[in-house]
């Protein structure tokens, strides 16, 4: 497949875009060959409309060789994007409190079955952050618990439940968003822990996910002050040095949304996109504003043309992206 792709098609696979109106994203999918899209509550009004929406996205990609990731943040609890018709989904904390791996697995199955019927193939869940800081309101009940063991045991069963119904799960938000006060939608959170401390706590659920052959991990916009000044999502030391080399993760790495304030207060989307890819990220998520997806894509192409990103680096990511799509037999 890669041998038949030109550089534009390869770079398109590395961008996942968001939109307000489907009419704005469809021509971008067709012309720029985006690898995927993300839907939020603003894109979802009813079951019938959502099915029509996801079908419309796939139809706009029919002339492209590679099928789309159709993704959603469906965690349950207060991060539920689905129409009320499909019922309610428990928060991670509620599932975690039961301390029942079978129940956790089945909750993943329930979510996956619903997503599949609506036309999705990728979920940005489960959250593997540990709610260890009571002052952290951004994670709080989005976590399965306050200890590494609880989050590992329950979160990874949800991951397996999603997988069992052919929804690609995403472990997030590496390196761990639980012990932060700042919301990365608002600013750049800082974690003041050594690598040894992180390995004994924050990393544990992710290490377990990697053992369970996690397909995708999302990198947070969190600064590890004892590692370096860059957000983790833009850091070669974190993405390649820690997640790939030290922890041995071989799957797809996606950034958190590049339109969040943790990034936009400090970088342009173009600069952040180039840094993220050179750090080792495979997919750059640009969740707000379809033109921002084009901006990110054009910045990658310009960097490639100027020799700032090598084709070998691009091919590494595209190989992982296509392998996952093939593994899940995605089709438009």
Protein backbone atom coordinates (compact mmCIF):
# COMPACT_ATOMS: atom_id res chain seq x y z
CA UNK A 1 0.00 0.00 0.00
CA UNK A 2 2.78 2.42 0.92
CA UNK A 3 4.55 1.75 -2.37
CA UNK A 4 1.50 3.08 -4.21
CA UNK A 5 1.23 6.28 -2.12
CA UNK A 6 2.71 9.66 -2.92
CA UNK A 7 3.95 12.05 -0.24
CA UNK A 8 0.63 13.94 -0.09
CA UNK A 9 -1.27 10.75 0.64
CA UNK A 10 1.25 9.72 3.29
CA UNK A 11 1.13 13.09 5.08
CA UNK A 12 -2.68 13.12 4.93
CA UNK A 13 -2.75 9.89 6.96
CA UNK A 14 -0.88 11.68 9.76
CA UNK A 15 -3.60 14.31 10.32
CA UNK A 16 -6.93 13.82 12.12
CA UNK A 17 -9.31 16.75 11.75
CA UNK A 18 -12.44 18.13 13.40
CA UNK A 19 -15.22 20.33 12.09
CA UNK A 20 -18.42 22.23 12.85
CA UNK A 21 -20.22 21.62 9.57
CA UNK A 22 -19.69 18.46 7.53
CA UNK A 23 -19.77 20.50 4.30
CA UNK A 24 -16.51 22.16 5.39
CA UNK A 25 -14.57 18.95 6.08
CA UNK A 26 -15.73 16.78 3.15
CA UNK A 27 -13.74 18.62 0.44
CA UNK A 28 -10.68 18.54 2.73
CA UNK A 29 -11.04 14.77 3.11
CA UNK A 30 -11.35 14.38 -0.66
CA UNK A 31 -8.56 16.73 -1.67
CA UNK A 32 -6.10 16.41 1.22
CA UNK A 33 -6.73 12.71 1.91
CA UNK A 34 -7.00 13.08 5.68
CA UNK A 35 -6.38 9.95 7.70
CA UNK A 36 -9.28 10.50 10.08
CA UNK A 37 -11.86 12.75 11.66
CA UNK A 38 -13.14 13.33 15.18
CA UNK A 39 -16.77 14.05 16.08
CA UNK A 40 -17.98 15.92 19.16
CA UNK A 41 -21.39 16.62 20.68
CA UNK A 42 -21.79 19.54 18.24
CA UNK A 43 -21.68 17.02 15.37
CA UNK A 44 -24.11 14.56 16.98
CA UNK A 45 -27.83 15.27 17.36
CA UNK A 46 -29.65 11.94 16.97
CA UNK A 47 -29.02 8.32 16.05
CA UNK A 48 -30.27 8.68 12.47
CA UNK A 49 -28.39 11.96 11.92
CA UNK A 50 -25.16 10.48 13.34
CA UNK A 51 -25.34 7.45 11.06
CA UNK A 52 -25.97 9.77 8.11
CA UNK A 53 -23.02 11.93 9.25
CA UNK A 54 -20.51 9.08 9.53
CA UNK A 55 -21.69 7.65 6.20
CA UNK A 56 -21.28 11.10 4.62
CA UNK A 57 -17.71 11.31 5.91
CA UNK A 58 -16.89 7.87 4.52
CA UNK A 59 -18.52 8.68 1.16
CA UNK A 60 -16.28 11.74 0.83
CA UNK A 61 -13.28 9.42 1.13
CA UNK A 62 -14.35 6.78 -1.41
CA UNK A 63 -11.91 7.89 -4.12
CA UNK A 64 -9.00 7.67 -1.68
CA UNK A 65 -7.14 4.38 -1.25
CA UNK A 66 -7.09 4.32 2.55
CA UNK A 67 -10.19 4.19 4.80
CA UNK A 68 -10.82 6.84 7.45
CA UNK A 69 -10.54 6.65 11.19
CA UNK A 70 -13.96 7.87 12.39
CA UNK A 71 -13.26 8.76 16.02
CA UNK A 72 -14.97 10.07 19.12
CA UNK A 73 -14.18 10.88 22.78
CA UNK A 74 -16.70 8.53 24.37
CA UNK A 75 -15.51 7.90 27.92
CA UNK A 76 -18.84 7.84 29.75
CA UNK A 77 -19.95 10.06 32.63
CA UNK A 78 -19.45 13.75 31.87
CA UNK A 79 -17.48 12.99 28.70
CA UNK A 80 -20.32 11.42 26.73
CA UNK A 81 -20.88 12.60 23.18
CA UNK A 82 -23.66 10.25 22.10
CA UNK A 83 -27.36 11.10 21.59
CA UNK A 84 -29.66 10.49 24.57
CA UNK A 85 -31.56 7.86 22.55
CA UNK A 86 -28.77 5.33 23.08
CA UNK A 87 -28.98 5.58 26.89
CA UNK A 88 -26.44 6.65 29.48
CA UNK A 89 -22.88 5.48 30.10
CA UNK A 90 -21.25 5.36 33.53
CA UNK A 91 -18.26 7.44 34.48
CA UNK A 92 -14.89 5.73 34.79
CA UNK A 93 -14.91 6.37 38.56
CA UNK A 94 -18.28 4.63 38.91
CA UNK A 95 -17.00 1.61 36.98
CA UNK A 96 -13.76 1.61 38.96
CA UNK A 97 -15.53 1.63 42.32
CA UNK A 98 -17.13 -1.72 41.51
CA UNK A 99 -13.62 -3.21 41.28
CA UNK A 100 -15.04 -5.89 38.98
CA UNK A 101 -12.93 -6.69 35.88
CA UNK A 102 -15.80 -8.51 34.17
CA UNK A 103 -18.13 -5.55 34.68
CA UNK A 104 -15.42 -3.24 33.30
CA UNK A 105 -14.95 -5.44 30.24
CA UNK A 106 -18.69 -5.49 29.61
CA UNK A 107 -18.91 -1.71 29.90
CA UNK A 108 -16.31 -1.50 27.13
CA UNK A 109 -18.35 -3.95 25.07
CA UNK A 110 -21.52 -1.86 25.59
CA UNK A 111 -19.78 1.32 24.44
CA UNK A 112 -18.19 -0.41 21.45
CA UNK A 113 -21.43 -1.97 20.22
CA UNK A 114 -23.13 1.42 20.31
CA UNK A 115 -20.25 3.18 18.54
CA UNK A 116 -20.09 0.51 15.84
CA UNK A 117 -23.81 0.88 15.05
CA UNK A 118 -23.31 4.64 14.66
CA UNK A 119 -20.43 4.23 12.21
CA UNK A 120 -17.41 4.86 14.45
CA UNK A 121 -14.27 2.71 14.47
CA UNK A 122 -12.01 4.49 17.01
CA UNK A 123 -12.64 5.66 20.59
CA UNK A 124 -10.35 7.98 22.55
CA UNK A 125 -10.79 5.88 25.68
CA UNK A 126 -10.00 4.46 28.18
CA UNK A 127 -8.51 7.15 30.41
CA UNK A 128 -5.54 5.56 32.22
CA UNK A 129 -4.73 8.63 34.31
CA UNK A 130 -4.73 8.12 38.09
CA UNK A 131 -6.86 10.57 40.09
CA UNK A 132 -4.17 11.08 42.72
CA UNK A 133 -4.55 14.86 43.13
CA UNK A 134 -7.84 15.96 44.76
CA UNK A 135 -7.34 19.45 43.32
CA UNK A 136 -7.38 18.06 39.78
CA UNK A 137 -10.86 18.77 38.42
CA UNK A 138 -10.10 18.01 34.77
CA UNK A 139 -9.55 14.27 35.39
CA UNK A 140 -11.38 13.53 38.70
CA UNK A 141 -14.27 11.14 37.87
CA UNK A 142 -12.81 10.46 34.42
CA UNK A 143 -10.27 8.17 36.12
CA UNK A 144 -11.01 4.59 37.19
CA UNK A 145 -9.42 5.19 40.57
CA UNK A 146 -6.79 6.81 42.75
CA UNK A 147 -4.20 4.00 42.62
CA UNK A 148 -2.13 2.52 39.77
CA UNK A 149 -3.41 -0.98 40.54
CA UNK A 150 -7.10 -0.05 40.31
CA UNK A 151 -6.66 1.97 37.12
CA UNK A 152 -4.54 -0.79 35.55
CA UNK A 153 -6.92 -3.59 36.48
CA UNK A 154 -10.16 -1.84 35.47
CA UNK A 155 -8.99 0.47 32.68
CA UNK A 156 -7.32 -2.31 30.73
CA UNK A 157 -10.46 -4.45 30.89
CA UNK A 158 -12.43 -1.57 29.34
CA UNK A 159 -9.74 -1.41 26.66
CA UNK A 160 -10.19 -5.13 25.95
CA UNK A 161 -13.98 -4.73 25.86
CA UNK A 162 -13.76 -2.00 23.22
CA UNK A 163 -11.34 -4.12 21.18
CA UNK A 164 -13.56 -7.20 21.38
CA UNK A 165 -16.24 -5.41 19.34
CA UNK A 166 -13.77 -4.04 16.78
CA UNK A 167 -13.56 -0.49 18.13
CA UNK A 168 -9.94 0.67 18.31
CA UNK A 169 -9.21 1.75 21.91
CA UNK A 170 -6.85 4.59 22.83
CA UNK A 171 -5.05 4.64 26.17
CA UNK A 172 -4.73 8.25 27.37
CA UNK A 173 -3.28 10.69 28.47
CA UNK A 174 0.38 9.57 28.62
CA UNK A 175 2.55 10.38 30.60
CA UNK A 176 -0.34 10.80 33.09
CA UNK A 177 -2.68 13.72 33.70
CA UNK A 178 -3.82 12.70 37.18
CA UNK A 179 -1.41 14.70 39.34
CA UNK A 180 -1.94 18.07 37.68
CA UNK A 181 -3.98 21.12 38.67
CA UNK A 182 -4.00 22.96 35.35
CA UNK A 183 -6.43 21.91 32.60
CA UNK A 184 -4.47 21.64 29.33
CA UNK A 185 -7.47 23.16 27.53
CA UNK A 186 -6.61 26.35 29.45
CA UNK A 187 -2.80 26.25 29.93
CA UNK A 188 0.24 23.97 30.15
CA UNK A 189 0.12 21.60 33.17
CA UNK A 190 3.41 20.76 34.87
CA UNK A 191 4.38 17.52 36.64
CA UNK A 192 7.41 17.80 38.93
CA UNK A 193 8.35 14.13 39.22
CA UNK A 194 11.46 12.19 38.27
CA UNK A 195 11.31 9.38 35.70
CA UNK A 196 11.71 6.86 38.53
CA UNK A 197 8.70 8.33 40.37
CA UNK A 198 6.64 8.33 37.18
CA UNK A 199 7.53 4.71 36.43
CA UNK A 200 6.42 3.62 39.90
CA UNK A 201 3.07 5.43 39.64
CA UNK A 202 1.77 7.33 36.55
CA UNK A 203 3.30 4.99 33.97
CA UNK A 204 2.00 1.76 35.53
CA UNK A 205 -1.42 1.60 33.81
CA UNK A 206 0.22 2.45 30.48
CA UNK A 207 2.88 -0.24 30.98
CA UNK A 208 0.04 -2.70 31.60
CA UNK A 209 -1.74 -1.45 28.45
CA UNK A 210 1.44 -2.00 26.42
CA UNK A 211 1.65 -5.55 27.81
CA UNK A 212 -1.95 -5.98 26.62
CA UNK A 213 -0.87 -4.87 23.13
CA UNK A 214 -2.55 -1.45 23.22
CA UNK A 215 -3.11 -0.26 19.67
CA UNK A 216 -2.95 3.49 20.27
CA UNK A 217 -1.76 5.86 22.98
CA UNK A 218 -2.60 9.55 23.20
CA UNK A 219 0.14 11.93 24.35
CA UNK A 220 -0.92 14.79 26.63
CA UNK A 221 0.22 18.40 26.53
CA UNK A 222 1.94 18.05 29.91
CA UNK A 223 5.38 19.35 30.79
CA UNK A 224 7.57 16.94 32.72
CA UNK A 225 9.76 19.57 34.36
CA UNK A 226 12.48 17.08 35.36
CA UNK A 227 12.79 15.84 31.78
CA UNK A 228 12.63 19.04 29.69
CA UNK A 229 10.71 22.26 28.99
CA UNK A 230 8.66 21.08 26.01
CA UNK A 231 5.13 19.66 26.40
CA UNK A 232 5.30 15.85 26.27
CA UNK A 233 3.40 15.86 22.95
CA UNK A 234 6.29 17.76 21.32
CA UNK A 235 9.14 16.06 23.17
CA UNK A 236 11.44 13.53 21.49
CA UNK A 237 12.69 12.58 24.98
CA UNK A 238 9.16 11.63 26.09
CA UNK A 239 7.61 10.24 22.88
CA UNK A 240 10.58 8.34 21.48
CA UNK A 241 12.97 8.14 24.42
CA UNK A 242 10.49 7.07 27.09
CA UNK A 243 7.33 5.69 25.43
CA UNK A 244 8.97 3.97 22.47
CA UNK A 245 12.44 3.01 23.72
CA UNK A 246 12.08 2.61 27.49
CA UNK A 247 8.51 1.28 27.64
CA UNK A 248 8.60 -0.54 24.31
CA UNK A 249 5.39 0.78 22.77
CA UNK A 250 5.15 -0.19 19.09
CA UNK A 251 1.63 1.04 18.26
CA UNK A 252 0.24 4.33 16.99
CA UNK A 253 0.94 7.49 18.98
CA UNK A 254 -1.52 10.37 18.57
CA UNK A 255 -1.24 13.84 20.07
CA UNK A 256 -3.96 15.43 22.13
CA UNK A 257 -5.74 18.26 20.29
CA UNK A 258 -3.29 20.83 18.89
CA UNK A 259 -5.90 23.61 19.19
CA UNK A 260 -5.85 23.42 23.01
CA UNK A 261 -4.44 26.40 24.90
CA UNK A 262 -1.51 24.40 26.29
CA UNK A 263 -0.21 24.48 22.71
CA UNK A 264 -1.68 27.63 21.15
CA UNK A 265 -0.49 29.91 23.98
CA UNK A 266 3.09 28.88 23.30
CA UNK A 267 3.34 27.70 19.67
CA UNK A 268 1.74 28.07 16.26
CA UNK A 269 -0.16 25.00 15.06
CA UNK A 270 2.39 24.68 12.23
CA UNK A 271 5.39 24.71 14.56
CA UNK A 272 3.75 22.34 17.05
CA UNK A 273 2.81 19.89 14.29
CA UNK A 274 6.38 19.70 12.99
CA UNK A 275 7.77 19.31 16.52
CA UNK A 276 5.25 16.54 17.33
CA UNK A 277 6.15 14.52 14.24
CA UNK A 278 9.88 14.94 14.80
CA UNK A 279 9.31 13.87 18.42
CA UNK A 280 7.89 10.59 17.09
CA UNK A 281 4.12 11.12 17.09
CA UNK A 282 2.32 9.32 14.27
CA UNK A 283 -0.94 11.29 14.12
CA UNK A 284 -1.50 14.96 14.87
CA UNK A 285 -5.01 15.63 16.18
CA UNK A 286 -6.38 19.02 15.09
CA UNK A 287 -9.86 18.83 16.54
CA UNK A 288 -11.20 22.36 16.03
CA UNK A 289 -11.53 24.20 12.73
CA UNK A 290 -11.16 22.19 9.51
CA UNK A 291 -8.80 24.79 8.04
CA UNK A 292 -6.42 24.09 10.93
CA UNK A 293 -6.11 20.53 9.59
CA UNK A 294 -5.03 21.94 6.23
CA UNK A 295 -2.60 24.28 8.00
CA UNK A 296 -1.04 21.36 9.90
CA UNK A 297 -0.83 19.27 6.74
CA UNK A 298 0.76 22.05 4.70
CA UNK A 299 3.29 22.68 7.47
CA UNK A 300 4.35 19.01 7.32
CA UNK A 301 4.68 19.14 3.55
CA UNK A 302 6.76 22.32 3.73
CA UNK A 303 8.99 20.79 6.42
CA UNK A 304 9.43 17.67 4.26
CA UNK A 305 10.32 19.75 1.20
CA UNK A 306 12.89 21.71 3.23
CA UNK A 307 14.44 18.54 4.65
CA UNK A 308 13.23 19.21 8.22
CA UNK A 309 11.27 15.94 8.25
CA UNK A 310 12.66 12.90 6.41
CA UNK A 311 10.60 10.51 4.32
CA UNK A 312 11.92 7.68 6.50
CA UNK A 313 10.38 9.38 9.55
CA UNK A 314 7.07 9.81 7.68
CA UNK A 315 7.12 6.19 6.48
CA UNK A 316 7.57 4.87 10.02
CA UNK A 317 4.34 6.56 11.09
CA UNK A 318 2.36 5.74 7.95
CA UNK A 319 3.33 2.07 8.26
CA UNK A 320 1.95 1.97 11.82
CA UNK A 321 -1.23 3.84 10.83
CA UNK A 322 -1.96 1.58 7.84
CA UNK A 323 -1.11 -1.57 9.83
CA UNK A 324 -3.73 -0.66 12.44
CA UNK A 325 -6.37 0.12 9.81
CA UNK A 326 -5.61 -3.23 8.14
CA UNK A 327 -5.68 -5.08 11.48
CA UNK A 328 -9.20 -3.77 12.15
CA UNK A 329 -10.27 -4.28 8.51
CA UNK A 330 -11.52 -0.71 8.27
CA UNK A 331 -13.64 0.07 5.22
CA UNK A 332 -15.43 3.12 3.88
